[in-house]
Amino acid sequence: MRFSGILLGWMAVLVLSVFSGNAQIEEESAEFFLEEYSDAFQEKFFEALKEKSIENYDRAINLLLECKGLEPDYVVLNHELAQCYLADKKLEDALEFSLEAVVAEPDNYWYANTLVAILIRRNMATDQVIGTIPISNEELAHNLSKSLFKNKRYKDALELTKYLSQSDKHVQLKRKIEDSIAAAGKKGNQAKETKEAAVERPNDPVSSIRTQIENHINSGNAQKVLETSESALEAYPNQPYFYYSHGWALHKLGNNKTAVRSLETGLDYLFDDASLANKFYKALATAYQSLGNASKANMYLSKVKSGL
């Protein structure tokens, strides 16, 4: 039995978010009509997308794996699984399926973009997977470099341009990366001057910057907290407090979606600091509440420990 009008309506809505958590539309969306696939496959696939859209990742993953049992060569399943595992913080599985998707369709930008997101979350350099992917494919190298550039991983992005020819598209990308590296160098020098001026703890720049941020938080200066945190994260990307303050500032400035991403990323770097964990949980609960996601807000509120 073919889909009802309601299920087809779901199809039209869900296609918009198939390829990324940022709701990017894949140029090859025509293949999503899936006319050559069985009704059983279509039902499971679109049910998986529905579960993914409401962040029920375990259920989505199980349905997508069932789809792979029916159509193992349908590449988009690998990409969808990679995204679900990434959202569910199962990064090893995410990397496995992401690499399969990139190897199968190296020209696809969104597949490359998801791979970069996973590598960043795993704190891995791109050269750690170079031997696994067809990096000689210039479109893939360009897409990876472009995604790294957008994620402000400028040095890694520049390194990949060595695989590119001198076409206009590639030259323009390389120029943008080089300009950003130069600008970041100027910003880094300014940050260095700021750190040198902080004489309270001259041998502990992280603590000095944290003190500056805490002062801005106490005075309610969200814009200053945002600027200082962003600069701090460029210099110290593994410091959880800077993700917390970054998310706090974004929430205060009304950018709750980005705030949630920054805060949840920071949790991955947090170890043995119950007091800071409480701050993360409270900030996440508040941000999700502002987004209208009561279930997520309550989940983080339930993690808050009293007396800290």
Protein backbone atom coordinates (compact mmCIF):
# COMPACT_ATOMS: atom_id res chain seq x y z
CA MET A 1 0.00 0.00 0.00
CA ARG A 2 1.39 3.41 -1.05
CA PHE A 3 1.83 6.30 1.38
CA SER A 4 -1.17 8.32 2.42
CA GLY A 5 -1.31 12.06 1.75
CA ILE A 6 -0.25 12.71 5.34
CA LEU A 7 2.94 10.66 5.04
CA LEU A 8 3.77 12.35 1.76
CA GLY A 9 3.34 15.67 3.55
CA TRP A 10 5.89 14.49 6.14
CA MET A 11 8.18 13.67 3.24
CA ALA A 12 8.09 17.22 1.92
CA VAL A 13 8.86 18.70 5.34
CA LEU A 14 11.56 16.27 6.35
CA VAL A 15 13.50 16.52 3.09
CA LEU A 16 14.53 20.01 4.21
CA SER A 17 16.53 18.59 7.11
CA VAL A 18 17.81 15.33 5.66
CA PHE A 19 21.40 16.30 5.16
CA SER A 20 22.30 18.37 8.19
CA GLY A 21 21.33 19.41 11.67
CA ASN A 22 21.37 22.99 10.31
CA ALA A 23 18.52 22.15 7.90
CA GLN A 24 20.63 22.52 4.76
CA ILE A 25 18.93 21.43 1.55
CA GLU A 26 20.86 18.85 -0.45
CA GLU A 27 21.12 19.63 -4.14
CA GLU A 28 20.40 16.03 -4.99
CA SER A 29 17.05 16.08 -3.20
CA ALA A 30 15.35 14.51 -6.22
CA GLU A 31 16.57 11.10 -5.13
CA PHE A 32 14.50 11.43 -1.99
CA PHE A 33 11.36 10.48 -3.83
CA LEU A 34 12.69 6.94 -3.52
CA GLU A 35 10.29 5.63 -6.14
CA GLU A 36 12.41 2.58 -6.84
CA TYR A 37 12.40 1.44 -3.21
CA SER A 38 9.89 -0.74 -1.41
CA ASP A 39 7.06 0.59 0.71
CA ALA A 40 8.66 -1.06 3.77
CA PHE A 41 11.92 0.80 3.16
CA GLN A 42 10.17 4.14 2.60
CA GLU A 43 8.09 3.82 5.74
CA LYS A 44 11.11 3.03 7.91
CA PHE A 45 13.22 5.74 6.30
CA PHE A 46 10.76 8.56 6.78
CA GLU A 47 9.85 7.35 10.25
CA ALA A 48 13.59 7.54 11.05
CA LEU A 49 13.73 11.13 9.80
CA LYS A 50 10.74 12.00 11.94
CA GLU A 51 12.38 10.50 15.04
CA LYS A 52 15.59 12.37 14.22
CA SER A 53 13.71 15.66 13.92
CA ILE A 54 12.39 15.27 17.49
CA GLU A 55 15.86 14.23 18.73
CA ASN A 56 14.89 10.63 19.45
CA TYR A 57 18.22 9.46 18.12
CA ASP A 58 18.23 5.88 19.45
CA ARG A 59 14.96 5.15 17.68
CA ALA A 60 16.14 6.90 14.51
CA ILE A 61 19.37 4.89 14.49
CA ASN A 62 17.54 1.58 14.89
CA LEU A 63 15.22 2.42 12.00
CA LEU A 64 18.09 3.52 9.76
CA LEU A 65 19.95 0.29 10.49
CA GLU A 66 16.82 -1.63 9.51
CA CYS A 67 16.79 0.40 6.28
CA LYS A 68 20.40 -0.63 5.62
CA GLY A 69 19.32 -4.23 5.95
CA LEU A 70 16.83 -3.61 3.15
CA GLU A 71 18.95 -1.33 0.93
CA PRO A 72 22.62 -1.58 2.00
CA ASP A 73 23.88 0.46 -0.98
CA TYR A 74 21.73 3.54 -0.36
CA VAL A 75 24.51 5.99 0.57
CA VAL A 76 22.36 8.58 2.31
CA LEU A 77 21.69 6.05 5.08
CA ASN A 78 25.37 6.20 6.06
CA HIS A 79 25.22 9.98 6.24
CA GLU A 80 22.01 9.96 8.27
CA LEU A 81 23.50 7.41 10.67
CA ALA A 82 26.65 9.51 11.02
CA GLN A 83 24.57 12.56 11.93
CA CYS A 84 22.43 10.67 14.42
CA TYR A 85 25.44 9.08 16.11
CA LEU A 86 27.13 12.50 16.23
CA ALA A 87 24.07 14.08 17.86
CA ASP A 88 23.93 11.15 20.29
CA LYS A 89 27.65 11.64 21.11
CA LYS A 90 28.60 8.17 19.85
CA LEU A 91 31.55 9.53 17.96
CA GLU A 92 33.31 6.31 16.94
CA ASP A 93 30.18 5.04 15.18
CA ALA A 94 29.61 8.50 13.71
CA LEU A 95 33.09 8.50 12.18
CA GLU A 96 32.69 5.01 10.73
CA PHE A 97 29.47 5.82 8.86
CA SER A 98 30.65 9.29 7.85
CA LEU A 99 33.75 7.87 6.20
CA GLU A 100 31.62 5.33 4.32
CA ALA A 101 29.43 8.15 2.99
CA VAL A 102 32.40 10.28 1.92
CA VAL A 103 34.14 7.37 0.19
CA ALA A 104 30.94 6.50 -1.68
CA GLU A 105 30.17 10.08 -2.78
CA PRO A 106 33.31 12.23 -2.43
CA ASP A 107 31.79 15.16 -4.35
CA ASN A 108 29.00 15.69 -1.82
CA TYR A 109 29.68 18.81 0.29
CA TRP A 110 27.33 17.91 3.14
CA TYR A 111 28.98 14.52 3.60
CA ALA A 112 32.36 16.24 3.87
CA ASN A 113 30.88 18.84 6.23
CA THR A 114 29.57 16.16 8.58
CA LEU A 115 32.96 14.41 8.55
CA VAL A 116 34.64 17.66 9.60
CA ALA A 117 32.12 18.15 12.41
CA ILE A 118 32.89 14.66 13.72
CA LEU A 119 36.66 15.15 13.50
CA ILE A 120 36.37 18.41 15.45
CA ARG A 121 34.27 16.77 18.15
CA ARG A 122 36.81 13.93 18.40
CA ASN A 123 39.69 16.41 18.46
CA MET A 124 41.21 14.67 15.45
CA ALA A 125 43.29 16.22 12.70
CA THR A 126 42.15 15.73 9.11
CA ASP A 127 45.40 13.98 8.21
CA GLN A 128 44.36 11.12 10.51
CA VAL A 129 41.75 10.03 7.94
CA ILE A 130 43.50 11.12 4.73
CA GLY A 131 44.53 7.54 3.99
CA THR A 132 40.91 6.38 4.26
CA ILE A 133 39.30 8.87 1.88
CA PRO A 134 39.94 9.67 -1.84
CA ILE A 135 41.71 12.96 -1.11
CA SER A 136 43.01 13.11 -4.70
CA ASN A 137 39.43 14.00 -5.64
CA GLU A 138 39.70 17.80 -5.87
CA GLU A 139 36.03 18.38 -5.07
CA LEU A 140 36.39 16.43 -1.83
CA ALA A 141 39.58 18.28 -0.89
CA HIS A 142 37.88 21.60 -1.64
CA ASN A 143 34.78 20.69 0.37
CA LEU A 144 36.81 19.58 3.39
CA SER A 145 38.93 22.72 3.23
CA LYS A 146 35.84 24.90 2.89
CA SER A 147 34.15 23.25 5.86
CA LEU A 148 37.28 23.57 8.00
CA PHE A 149 37.50 27.22 7.00
CA LYS A 150 33.90 27.83 8.07
CA ASN A 151 34.70 26.15 11.39
CA LYS A 152 37.70 28.49 11.84
CA ARG A 153 40.19 25.62 11.56
CA TYR A 154 42.29 27.77 9.28
CA LYS A 155 45.62 25.94 9.43
CA ASP A 156 43.99 22.56 8.70
CA ALA A 157 41.99 24.16 5.90
CA LEU A 158 45.13 25.65 4.35
CA GLU A 159 46.97 22.33 4.58
CA LEU A 160 44.31 20.68 2.40
CA THR A 161 44.70 23.27 -0.36
CA LYS A 162 47.92 21.50 -1.39
CA TYR A 163 45.66 18.89 -3.01
CA LEU A 164 43.95 21.55 -5.16
CA SER A 165 44.76 22.88 -8.61
CA GLN A 166 45.03 26.58 -9.44
CA SER A 167 41.46 26.97 -10.69
CA ASP A 168 39.67 30.20 -9.77
CA LYS A 169 37.45 28.47 -7.22
CA HIS A 170 40.37 26.88 -5.41
CA VAL A 171 42.53 30.00 -5.52
CA GLN A 172 39.72 32.12 -4.04
CA LEU A 173 39.24 29.66 -1.19
CA LYS A 174 42.97 29.60 -0.43
CA ARG A 175 43.08 33.41 -0.42
CA LYS A 176 40.18 33.58 2.05
CA ILE A 177 41.92 31.12 4.35
CA GLU A 178 45.20 33.00 4.21
CA ASP A 179 43.43 36.31 4.91
CA SER A 180 41.69 34.76 7.92
CA ILE A 181 44.97 33.40 9.27
CA ALA A 182 46.49 36.87 8.99
CA ALA A 183 43.49 38.44 10.74
CA ALA A 184 43.59 35.80 13.47
CA GLY A 185 47.28 36.55 13.99
CA LYS A 186 46.49 40.20 14.63
CA LYS A 187 43.70 39.23 17.00
CA GLY A 188 46.03 36.80 18.75
CA ASN A 189 48.57 39.55 19.30
CA GLN A 190 45.87 41.72 20.84
CA ALA A 191 44.82 38.85 23.10
CA LYS A 192 48.46 38.35 24.08
CA GLU A 193 48.75 41.99 25.07
CA THR A 194 45.59 41.65 27.15
CA LYS A 195 46.95 38.58 28.92
CA GLU A 196 50.28 40.27 29.60
CA ALA A 197 48.42 43.20 31.14
CA ALA A 198 46.64 40.90 33.59
CA VAL A 199 49.20 40.88 36.40
CA GLU A 200 47.11 38.98 38.97
CA ARG A 201 48.32 35.58 37.79
CA PRO A 202 51.04 36.11 35.19
CA ASN A 203 51.99 32.42 35.12
CA ASP A 204 48.42 31.19 34.61
CA PRO A 205 46.88 32.89 31.55
CA VAL A 206 43.78 30.62 31.55
CA SER A 207 42.90 31.63 35.09
CA SER A 208 43.59 35.27 34.27
CA ILE A 209 41.22 35.20 31.28
CA ARG A 210 38.62 33.34 33.33
CA THR A 211 38.79 36.08 35.98
CA GLN A 212 38.19 38.70 33.30
CA ILE A 213 35.18 36.78 32.00
CA GLU A 214 33.74 36.29 35.48
CA ASN A 215 34.01 40.02 36.09
CA HIS A 216 32.11 40.70 32.87
CA ILE A 217 29.45 38.13 33.83
CA ASN A 218 29.03 39.71 37.26
CA SER A 219 28.57 43.11 35.63
CA GLY A 220 26.09 41.64 33.13
CA ASN A 221 28.14 42.64 30.07
CA ALA A 222 27.15 39.80 27.74
CA GLN A 223 28.77 41.32 24.65
CA LYS A 224 32.13 41.59 26.41
CA VAL A 225 31.77 38.03 27.71
CA LEU A 226 31.09 36.85 24.15
CA GLU A 227 34.11 38.64 22.68
CA THR A 228 36.49 37.49 25.43
CA SER A 229 35.23 33.90 25.31
CA GLU A 230 35.60 33.66 21.53
CA SER A 231 39.16 34.93 21.74
CA ALA A 232 39.88 32.51 24.60
CA LEU A 233 38.47 29.53 22.69
CA GLU A 234 40.78 30.25 19.76
CA ALA A 235 43.76 30.07 22.09
CA TYR A 236 42.47 27.35 24.45
CA PRO A 237 39.88 25.20 22.60
CA ASN A 238 39.89 22.47 25.28
CA GLN A 239 38.89 24.68 28.23
CA PRO A 240 35.28 23.93 29.27
CA TYR A 241 34.77 27.19 31.17
CA PHE A 242 35.22 29.21 28.00
CA TYR A 243 32.46 27.17 26.30
CA TYR A 244 30.23 27.81 29.31
CA SER A 245 30.80 31.57 29.25
CA HIS A 246 30.42 31.60 25.46
CA GLY A 247 27.07 29.81 25.72
CA TRP A 248 25.98 32.05 28.60
CA ALA A 249 26.66 35.17 26.53
CA LEU A 250 24.93 33.82 23.42
CA HIS A 251 21.82 33.03 25.49
CA LYS A 252 21.81 36.52 27.02
CA LEU A 253 22.08 37.98 23.52
CA GLY A 254 19.16 35.87 22.28
CA ASN A 255 21.06 33.32 20.17
CA ASN A 256 19.84 30.23 21.99
CA LYS A 257 20.46 27.63 19.28
CA THR A 258 24.14 28.51 19.03
CA ALA A 259 24.29 28.78 22.81
CA VAL A 260 23.09 25.19 23.15
CA ARG A 261 25.69 23.95 20.66
CA SER A 262 28.51 25.73 22.47
CA LEU A 263 27.39 24.54 25.91
CA GLU A 264 26.93 20.91 24.85
CA THR A 265 30.34 20.95 23.14
CA GLY A 266 31.90 22.25 26.35
CA LEU A 267 30.40 19.38 28.34
CA ASP A 268 32.53 16.99 26.27
CA TYR A 269 35.65 18.62 27.74
CA LEU A 270 34.41 18.73 31.34
CA PHE A 271 35.84 16.34 33.92
CA ASP A 272 35.64 16.26 37.72
CA ASP A 273 34.23 19.75 38.22
CA ALA A 274 30.76 19.40 39.72
CA SER A 275 30.38 23.13 40.32
CA LEU A 276 31.07 24.03 36.69
CA ALA A 277 28.86 21.12 35.56
CA ASN A 278 26.00 22.68 37.52
CA LYS A 279 26.55 25.95 35.68
CA PHE A 280 26.43 24.13 32.34
CA TYR A 281 23.22 22.30 33.25
CA LYS A 282 21.47 25.46 34.46
CA ALA A 283 22.54 27.39 31.37
CA LEU A 284 21.40 24.59 29.06
CA ALA A 285 18.07 24.30 30.85
CA THR A 286 17.50 28.03 30.46
CA ALA A 287 18.50 28.05 26.79
CA TYR A 288 16.29 25.06 25.96
CA GLN A 289 13.42 26.65 27.87
CA SER A 290 13.82 29.76 25.70
CA LEU A 291 13.69 27.49 22.62
CA GLY A 292 10.45 25.95 23.87
CA ASN A 293 12.00 22.52 24.37
CA ALA A 294 10.63 21.64 27.81
CA SER A 295 11.79 18.02 27.76
CA LYS A 296 15.44 19.00 27.21
CA ALA A 297 15.17 21.80 29.77
CA ASN A 298 13.81 19.40 32.38
CA MET A 299 16.45 16.81 31.53
CA TYR A 300 19.26 19.25 32.30
CA LEU A 301 17.51 20.62 35.37
CA SER A 302 17.33 17.08 36.73
CA LYS A 303 21.15 16.88 36.50
CA VAL A 304 21.67 19.93 38.73
CA LYS A 305 23.07 18.96 42.14
CA SER A 306 22.07 20.98 45.16
CA GLY A 307 24.61 22.47 47.56
CA LEU A 308 27.18 23.36 44.89
